[in-house]
Amino acid sequence: MKTITNIKNETLSKTIGFPKIHSAGGLIYNKNNNILLMLKRAKWDMPKGRVEANDTKETTAYREVSEETGLNFKKLAIEGKLVSTWHTTYHDTLPFLKKTHWFMMRYNGGDDVTKPQLEEGITECRWVSEGNLANYTKNMRPRIHYVIDFWQRNLIS
């Protein structure tokens, strides 16, 4: 029987028993103060991907944002860490516990043309004003809504 003390010392990954993987991505905003959302598998999402061996979380965020949206890598700048989210995912039939490290990223441009990474299931990228975000939250995963909500409540002046 587990006691309260033993439960407090267990981590989420130990409790669930799934292997843990890390990913990193970004909430990208531009000079028009619009953020970039992408439609992935019929849900509004933000770019992110798995941290590869010998890569930093920051390097991963830059790479994934550029690959998934087609934005010019040289126009991106990480301004700071936002929050991390957790969710379960599968690779083939093997379950994983995935921790995503989210960064606030500035895009030094306007509502530039994007190139969605179709092979990743991304069919559209769209620059969205803060005033219009409510129109997208009903069709986004709770973890993405959480990141945007954190940004809106804590970092928008």
Protein backbone atom coordinates (compact mmCIF):
# COMPACT_ATOMS: atom_id res chain seq x y z
CA MET A 1 0.00 0.00 0.00
CA LYS A 2 1.32 3.42 -0.95
CA THR A 3 1.51 6.07 1.73
CA ILE A 4 1.11 9.80 1.16
CA THR A 5 4.89 10.25 1.60
CA ASN A 6 5.66 7.65 -1.07
CA ILE A 7 3.19 9.19 -3.51
CA LYS A 8 4.74 12.66 -3.08
CA ASN A 9 8.15 11.27 -4.07
CA GLU A 10 6.94 9.70 -7.31
CA THR A 11 7.22 11.61 -10.55
CA LEU A 12 4.52 11.73 -13.19
CA SER A 13 6.50 9.51 -15.58
CA LYS A 14 7.15 6.93 -12.86
CA THR A 15 3.49 6.93 -11.87
CA ILE A 16 2.27 6.37 -15.41
CA GLY A 17 5.16 4.09 -16.33
CA PHE A 18 5.57 5.43 -19.88
CA PRO A 19 8.94 6.36 -21.32
CA LYS A 20 9.40 10.13 -21.44
CA ILE A 21 10.34 12.19 -24.50
CA HIS A 22 10.96 15.91 -24.83
CA SER A 23 9.85 18.29 -27.54
CA ALA A 24 10.14 22.04 -28.00
CA GLY A 25 8.20 24.64 -29.90
CA GLY A 26 7.09 28.20 -30.00
CA LEU A 27 4.34 30.71 -29.70
CA ILE A 28 5.38 32.97 -32.57
CA TYR A 29 4.27 36.59 -32.78
CA ASN A 30 5.16 39.16 -35.43
CA LYS A 31 5.55 42.93 -35.74
CA ASN A 32 1.75 43.21 -36.21
CA ASN A 33 1.33 41.45 -32.81
CA ASN A 34 -0.38 38.52 -34.52
CA ILE A 35 0.44 34.96 -33.49
CA LEU A 36 0.92 32.06 -35.84
CA LEU A 37 -1.42 29.08 -35.61
CA MET A 38 -1.30 26.02 -37.83
CA LEU A 39 -4.03 23.57 -38.73
CA LYS A 40 -2.70 20.08 -38.02
CA ARG A 41 -4.97 17.07 -38.33
CA ALA A 42 -8.04 19.34 -38.20
CA LYS A 43 -6.97 21.08 -34.93
CA TRP A 44 -5.35 24.49 -34.46
CA ASP A 45 -1.88 23.96 -33.07
CA MET A 46 1.53 25.61 -32.75
CA PRO A 47 4.82 24.30 -34.17
CA LYS A 48 6.83 21.88 -32.06
CA GLY A 49 8.87 18.72 -32.42
CA ARG A 50 11.04 16.16 -30.72
CA VAL A 51 14.37 17.19 -29.20
CA GLU A 52 16.98 15.14 -31.06
CA ALA A 53 20.19 13.81 -29.48
CA ASN A 54 22.76 16.57 -28.92
CA ASP A 55 20.24 19.35 -29.68
CA THR A 56 19.14 21.93 -27.15
CA LYS A 57 15.50 22.74 -26.57
CA GLU A 58 16.10 26.15 -28.14
CA THR A 59 17.71 24.67 -31.27
CA THR A 60 14.77 22.30 -31.58
CA ALA A 61 12.25 25.14 -31.30
CA TYR A 62 13.99 27.11 -34.07
CA ARG A 63 14.22 24.05 -36.34
CA GLU A 64 10.63 22.90 -35.84
CA VAL A 65 9.09 26.34 -36.28
CA SER A 66 11.00 26.84 -39.52
CA GLU A 67 10.29 23.31 -40.85
CA GLU A 68 6.59 23.22 -39.98
CA THR A 69 5.70 26.75 -41.08
CA GLY A 70 8.28 27.65 -43.73
CA LEU A 71 9.23 30.83 -41.86
CA ASN A 72 12.75 32.13 -42.42
CA PHE A 73 14.93 30.74 -39.61
CA LYS A 74 17.04 33.94 -39.56
CA LYS A 75 13.98 36.09 -38.77
CA LEU A 76 13.13 34.14 -35.58
CA ALA A 77 14.30 35.09 -32.10
CA ILE A 78 13.57 33.35 -28.80
CA GLU A 79 12.57 35.92 -26.21
CA GLY A 80 12.13 33.55 -23.29
CA LYS A 81 10.62 30.37 -21.91
CA LEU A 82 6.86 30.26 -21.53
CA VAL A 83 5.59 27.07 -19.88
CA SER A 84 5.84 23.33 -20.37
CA THR A 85 2.96 21.00 -21.14
CA TRP A 86 2.57 17.23 -20.77
CA HIS A 87 0.51 14.80 -22.80
CA THR A 88 0.51 11.16 -23.79
CA THR A 89 1.24 10.17 -27.35
CA TYR A 90 2.00 7.03 -29.33
CA HIS A 91 4.70 6.04 -31.76
CA ASP A 92 3.37 3.00 -33.60
CA THR A 93 1.74 1.22 -30.64
CA LEU A 94 4.23 2.30 -27.94
CA PRO A 95 2.85 4.96 -25.54
CA PHE A 96 5.02 7.89 -24.42
CA LEU A 97 4.71 10.72 -21.95
CA LYS A 98 5.71 13.85 -23.87
CA LYS A 99 6.92 17.06 -22.24
CA THR A 100 6.84 20.06 -24.56
CA HIS A 101 8.96 23.09 -23.70
CA TRP A 102 7.31 26.22 -25.11
CA PHE A 103 9.21 29.37 -26.00
CA MET A 104 7.98 32.86 -26.82
CA MET A 105 9.42 33.64 -30.25
CA ARG A 106 9.44 36.91 -32.16
CA TYR A 107 9.24 36.79 -35.94
CA ASN A 108 10.94 39.84 -37.47
CA GLY A 109 8.39 40.30 -40.21
CA GLY A 110 4.70 40.82 -40.74
CA ASP A 111 1.96 38.45 -41.79
CA ASP A 112 4.42 36.78 -44.17
CA VAL A 113 3.49 33.90 -46.43
CA THR A 114 3.99 30.49 -44.86
CA LYS A 115 4.56 27.02 -46.25
CA PRO A 116 2.78 24.35 -44.15
CA GLN A 117 4.67 21.06 -43.83
CA LEU A 118 2.09 18.81 -45.51
CA GLU A 119 3.96 15.57 -44.73
CA GLU A 120 3.44 16.32 -41.03
CA GLY A 121 -0.32 16.74 -41.50
CA ILE A 122 -0.15 20.54 -41.43
CA THR A 123 -2.55 21.94 -44.00
CA GLU A 124 -2.61 25.65 -43.14
CA CYS A 125 -0.72 28.31 -41.21
CA ARG A 126 -2.55 31.48 -40.25
CA TRP A 127 -1.54 34.75 -38.56
CA VAL A 128 -4.22 35.57 -35.97
CA SER A 129 -4.76 38.75 -33.98
CA GLU A 130 -5.26 38.48 -30.24
CA GLY A 131 -8.81 39.77 -30.65
CA ASN A 132 -9.66 36.85 -32.95
CA LEU A 133 -8.07 34.05 -30.89
CA ALA A 134 -11.38 33.15 -29.25
CA ASN A 135 -12.61 31.99 -32.67
CA TYR A 136 -9.89 29.31 -32.71
CA THR A 137 -9.78 28.00 -29.14
CA LYS A 138 -12.80 25.71 -29.53
CA ASN A 139 -10.89 23.74 -32.15
CA MET A 140 -7.54 23.43 -30.39
CA ARG A 141 -6.08 20.94 -28.00
CA PRO A 142 -6.28 21.99 -24.33
CA ARG A 143 -2.46 22.15 -24.02
CA ILE A 144 -2.26 24.72 -26.84
CA HIS A 145 -5.09 26.75 -25.33
CA TYR A 146 -3.19 26.63 -21.99
CA VAL A 147 -0.01 28.06 -23.57
CA ILE A 148 -1.93 30.86 -25.28
CA ASP A 149 -3.91 31.60 -22.11
CA PHE A 150 -0.66 31.80 -20.10
CA TRP A 151 0.76 34.22 -22.67
CA GLN A 152 -2.39 36.38 -22.64
CA ARG A 153 -2.70 36.53 -18.85
CA ASN A 154 0.96 37.09 -18.01
CA LEU A 155 2.93 38.56 -20.89
CA ILE A 156 0.77 40.82 -23.02
CA SER A 157 1.17 44.45 -22.01
